[in-house]
N, C-alpha and C. Protein backbone atom coordinates (compact mmCIF):
# COMPACT_ATOMS: atom_id res chain seq x y z
N UNK A 1 6.22 -76.58 30.50
CA UNK A 1 6.90 -75.41 29.92
C UNK A 1 6.58 -74.19 30.77
N UNK A 2 7.55 -73.27 30.94
CA UNK A 2 7.27 -72.06 31.72
C UNK A 2 6.24 -71.21 31.01
N UNK A 3 5.43 -70.54 31.82
CA UNK A 3 4.40 -69.67 31.24
C UNK A 3 5.06 -68.44 30.63
N UNK A 4 4.63 -68.08 29.44
CA UNK A 4 5.20 -66.91 28.77
C UNK A 4 4.76 -65.64 29.48
N UNK A 5 5.62 -64.66 29.51
CA UNK A 5 5.28 -63.38 30.13
C UNK A 5 4.18 -62.73 29.30
N UNK A 6 3.24 -62.05 29.97
CA UNK A 6 2.19 -61.39 29.20
C UNK A 6 2.78 -60.29 28.33
N UNK A 7 2.27 -60.14 27.13
CA UNK A 7 2.80 -59.12 26.24
C UNK A 7 2.27 -57.75 26.66
N UNK A 8 3.03 -56.72 26.33
CA UNK A 8 2.62 -55.36 26.66
C UNK A 8 1.46 -54.98 25.76
N UNK A 9 0.40 -54.46 26.34
CA UNK A 9 -0.77 -54.10 25.56
C UNK A 9 -0.73 -52.62 25.19
N UNK A 10 -1.56 -52.24 24.27
CA UNK A 10 -1.61 -50.86 23.80
C UNK A 10 -2.02 -49.91 24.91
N UNK A 11 -2.74 -50.41 25.90
CA UNK A 11 -3.22 -49.55 26.98
C UNK A 11 -2.08 -49.14 27.92
N UNK A 12 -0.97 -49.85 27.84
CA UNK A 12 0.17 -49.54 28.70
C UNK A 12 0.90 -48.33 28.13
N UNK A 13 1.11 -47.32 28.98
CA UNK A 13 1.68 -46.07 28.50
C UNK A 13 3.17 -46.16 28.21
N UNK A 14 3.88 -47.02 28.93
CA UNK A 14 5.33 -47.07 28.79
C UNK A 14 5.79 -48.25 27.96
N UNK A 15 7.03 -48.17 27.53
CA UNK A 15 7.61 -49.24 26.73
C UNK A 15 7.97 -50.42 27.63
N UNK A 16 8.30 -50.14 28.87
CA UNK A 16 8.72 -51.17 29.80
C UNK A 16 7.98 -50.98 31.11
N UNK A 17 7.98 -52.03 31.93
CA UNK A 17 7.27 -51.90 33.20
C UNK A 17 8.10 -52.48 34.33
N UNK A 18 7.83 -51.98 35.53
CA UNK A 18 8.41 -52.54 36.75
C UNK A 18 7.27 -53.29 37.41
N UNK A 19 7.49 -54.59 37.67
CA UNK A 19 6.43 -55.40 38.25
C UNK A 19 6.77 -55.78 39.68
N UNK A 20 5.76 -56.18 40.41
CA UNK A 20 5.95 -56.55 41.81
C UNK A 20 6.66 -57.90 41.90
N UNK A 21 7.75 -57.96 42.68
CA UNK A 21 8.49 -59.22 42.81
C UNK A 21 7.82 -60.20 43.75
N UNK A 22 6.82 -59.73 44.52
CA UNK A 22 6.16 -60.59 45.51
C UNK A 22 4.83 -59.97 45.89
N UNK A 23 3.93 -60.76 46.48
CA UNK A 23 2.68 -60.17 46.96
C UNK A 23 2.95 -59.25 48.14
N UNK A 24 2.20 -58.18 48.24
CA UNK A 24 2.41 -57.26 49.36
C UNK A 24 1.48 -56.08 49.27
N UNK A 25 1.80 -55.06 50.07
CA UNK A 25 1.01 -53.84 50.12
C UNK A 25 1.91 -52.65 49.78
N UNK A 26 1.40 -51.74 48.96
CA UNK A 26 2.15 -50.55 48.59
C UNK A 26 2.16 -49.60 49.79
N UNK A 27 3.36 -49.32 50.31
CA UNK A 27 3.50 -48.42 51.46
C UNK A 27 3.72 -46.99 50.99
N UNK A 28 4.49 -46.83 49.92
CA UNK A 28 4.83 -45.49 49.46
C UNK A 28 5.06 -45.51 47.95
N UNK A 29 4.58 -44.47 47.28
CA UNK A 29 4.83 -44.28 45.85
C UNK A 29 5.68 -43.02 45.73
N UNK A 30 6.90 -43.17 45.25
CA UNK A 30 7.84 -42.04 45.23
C UNK A 30 7.88 -41.28 43.91
N UNK A 31 7.16 -41.75 42.90
CA UNK A 31 7.24 -41.13 41.57
C UNK A 31 5.85 -40.83 41.05
N UNK A 32 5.81 -39.97 40.02
CA UNK A 32 4.58 -39.72 39.30
C UNK A 32 4.90 -39.69 37.80
N UNK A 33 3.89 -39.79 36.98
CA UNK A 33 4.10 -39.78 35.54
C UNK A 33 4.87 -38.53 35.14
N UNK A 34 5.86 -38.71 34.29
CA UNK A 34 6.66 -37.59 33.81
C UNK A 34 7.96 -37.40 34.56
N UNK A 35 8.10 -38.08 35.72
CA UNK A 35 9.35 -37.95 36.49
C UNK A 35 10.51 -38.61 35.74
N UNK A 36 11.64 -37.94 35.74
CA UNK A 36 12.88 -38.56 35.24
C UNK A 36 13.63 -39.10 36.45
N UNK A 37 14.00 -40.36 36.38
CA UNK A 37 14.68 -40.98 37.52
C UNK A 37 15.95 -41.68 37.06
N UNK A 38 16.81 -41.94 38.02
CA UNK A 38 18.09 -42.59 37.73
C UNK A 38 18.03 -44.05 38.16
N UNK A 39 18.88 -44.85 37.53
CA UNK A 39 18.98 -46.25 37.91
C UNK A 39 19.24 -46.36 39.41
N UNK A 40 18.48 -47.22 40.09
CA UNK A 40 18.66 -47.41 41.52
C UNK A 40 17.78 -46.54 42.40
N UNK A 41 17.12 -45.53 41.79
CA UNK A 41 16.19 -44.70 42.58
C UNK A 41 15.03 -45.57 43.07
N UNK A 42 14.58 -45.30 44.29
CA UNK A 42 13.45 -46.05 44.83
C UNK A 42 12.16 -45.50 44.23
N UNK A 43 11.43 -46.38 43.54
CA UNK A 43 10.20 -46.00 42.85
C UNK A 43 8.99 -46.26 43.76
N UNK A 44 8.97 -47.45 44.35
CA UNK A 44 7.85 -47.90 45.18
C UNK A 44 8.44 -48.57 46.42
N UNK A 45 7.79 -48.39 47.56
CA UNK A 45 8.13 -49.19 48.74
C UNK A 45 6.99 -50.17 48.95
N UNK A 46 7.36 -51.45 48.95
CA UNK A 46 6.39 -52.55 49.05
C UNK A 46 6.59 -53.28 50.37
N UNK A 47 5.52 -53.40 51.15
CA UNK A 47 5.62 -54.15 52.40
C UNK A 47 5.16 -55.58 52.15
N UNK A 48 6.04 -56.51 52.48
CA UNK A 48 5.70 -57.93 52.35
C UNK A 48 6.29 -58.66 53.54
N UNK A 49 5.51 -59.53 54.13
CA UNK A 49 5.97 -60.30 55.29
C UNK A 49 6.58 -59.39 56.36
N UNK A 50 5.89 -58.27 56.65
CA UNK A 50 6.30 -57.31 57.70
C UNK A 50 7.63 -56.61 57.41
N UNK A 51 8.12 -56.71 56.19
CA UNK A 51 9.35 -56.01 55.83
C UNK A 51 9.07 -55.06 54.68
N UNK A 52 9.74 -53.91 54.71
CA UNK A 52 9.59 -52.97 53.60
C UNK A 52 10.67 -53.25 52.57
N UNK A 53 10.25 -53.38 51.33
CA UNK A 53 11.17 -53.67 50.22
C UNK A 53 11.17 -52.48 49.27
N UNK A 54 12.36 -51.97 48.98
CA UNK A 54 12.47 -50.87 48.02
C UNK A 54 12.46 -51.44 46.61
N UNK A 55 11.53 -50.99 45.80
CA UNK A 55 11.48 -51.37 44.39
C UNK A 55 12.19 -50.24 43.64
N UNK A 56 13.30 -50.56 43.00
CA UNK A 56 14.13 -49.52 42.38
C UNK A 56 14.06 -49.55 40.86
N UNK A 57 14.44 -48.42 40.27
CA UNK A 57 14.47 -48.31 38.81
C UNK A 57 15.61 -49.15 38.26
N UNK A 58 15.34 -49.93 37.22
CA UNK A 58 16.38 -50.78 36.62
C UNK A 58 17.33 -50.00 35.71
N UNK A 59 16.96 -48.77 35.37
CA UNK A 59 17.77 -47.97 34.45
C UNK A 59 17.36 -46.51 34.59
N UNK A 60 18.17 -45.61 34.03
CA UNK A 60 17.76 -44.21 33.93
C UNK A 60 16.55 -44.17 32.99
N UNK A 61 15.47 -43.53 33.41
CA UNK A 61 14.27 -43.57 32.59
C UNK A 61 13.32 -42.44 32.98
N UNK A 62 12.23 -42.34 32.22
CA UNK A 62 11.16 -41.41 32.53
C UNK A 62 9.91 -42.23 32.82
N UNK A 63 9.26 -41.92 33.93
CA UNK A 63 8.05 -42.65 34.32
C UNK A 63 6.91 -42.28 33.37
N UNK A 64 6.26 -43.29 32.82
CA UNK A 64 5.13 -43.05 31.92
C UNK A 64 3.81 -43.08 32.67
N UNK A 65 3.66 -44.07 33.55
CA UNK A 65 2.43 -44.16 34.32
C UNK A 65 2.71 -44.86 35.64
N UNK A 66 1.92 -44.49 36.64
CA UNK A 66 1.97 -45.16 37.94
C UNK A 66 0.67 -45.95 38.05
N UNK A 67 0.78 -47.27 38.19
CA UNK A 67 -0.38 -48.15 38.09
C UNK A 67 -0.94 -48.57 39.45
N UNK A 68 -0.33 -48.12 40.53
CA UNK A 68 -0.81 -48.50 41.86
C UNK A 68 -0.90 -47.27 42.75
N UNK A 69 -1.68 -47.37 43.80
CA UNK A 69 -1.81 -46.31 44.79
C UNK A 69 -1.31 -46.80 46.13
N UNK A 70 -0.93 -45.87 46.99
CA UNK A 70 -0.52 -46.20 48.35
C UNK A 70 -1.66 -46.96 49.02
N UNK A 71 -1.33 -48.05 49.72
CA UNK A 71 -2.32 -48.84 50.41
C UNK A 71 -2.88 -49.99 49.60
N UNK A 72 -2.56 -50.02 48.30
CA UNK A 72 -3.07 -51.08 47.43
C UNK A 72 -2.37 -52.40 47.72
N UNK A 73 -3.10 -53.50 47.57
CA UNK A 73 -2.50 -54.82 47.66
C UNK A 73 -2.15 -55.28 46.25
N UNK A 74 -0.96 -55.83 46.10
CA UNK A 74 -0.52 -56.29 44.78
C UNK A 74 -0.11 -57.76 44.87
N UNK A 75 -0.13 -58.41 43.72
CA UNK A 75 0.31 -59.79 43.60
C UNK A 75 1.61 -59.83 42.82
N UNK A 76 2.32 -60.95 42.89
CA UNK A 76 3.54 -61.11 42.13
C UNK A 76 3.25 -60.88 40.64
N UNK A 77 4.04 -60.03 40.00
CA UNK A 77 3.89 -59.79 38.57
C UNK A 77 2.97 -58.64 38.21
N UNK A 78 2.27 -58.07 39.22
CA UNK A 78 1.42 -56.91 38.91
C UNK A 78 2.31 -55.75 38.47
N UNK A 79 1.84 -54.99 37.49
CA UNK A 79 2.60 -53.83 37.01
C UNK A 79 2.46 -52.69 38.00
N UNK A 80 3.60 -52.20 38.49
CA UNK A 80 3.61 -51.09 39.45
C UNK A 80 3.70 -49.76 38.71
N UNK A 81 4.69 -49.65 37.82
CA UNK A 81 4.84 -48.45 37.00
C UNK A 81 5.32 -48.85 35.62
N UNK A 82 5.07 -47.99 34.64
CA UNK A 82 5.65 -48.19 33.31
C UNK A 82 6.58 -47.02 33.03
N UNK A 83 7.57 -47.27 32.17
CA UNK A 83 8.56 -46.25 31.90
C UNK A 83 9.11 -46.38 30.49
N UNK A 84 9.76 -45.30 30.05
CA UNK A 84 10.44 -45.29 28.75
C UNK A 84 11.91 -44.99 28.96
């Protein structure tokens, strides 16, 4: 059976989260908590396999928290930002 997605915990500031689609290194963080962004805006730039991948907002939203810093290594499924 597929593993169930981890449930959102009370410590998470936002209602929803953007997670890393692959292991990599955070090259750039374009948002901060409180930013209002539009669907398709680049939130994080993730370098994986020598390529930069733009992680974009799935919807118009307000950033609740930024969970990673520039230079951080992330794994698939790590929470990058939370939003409402």
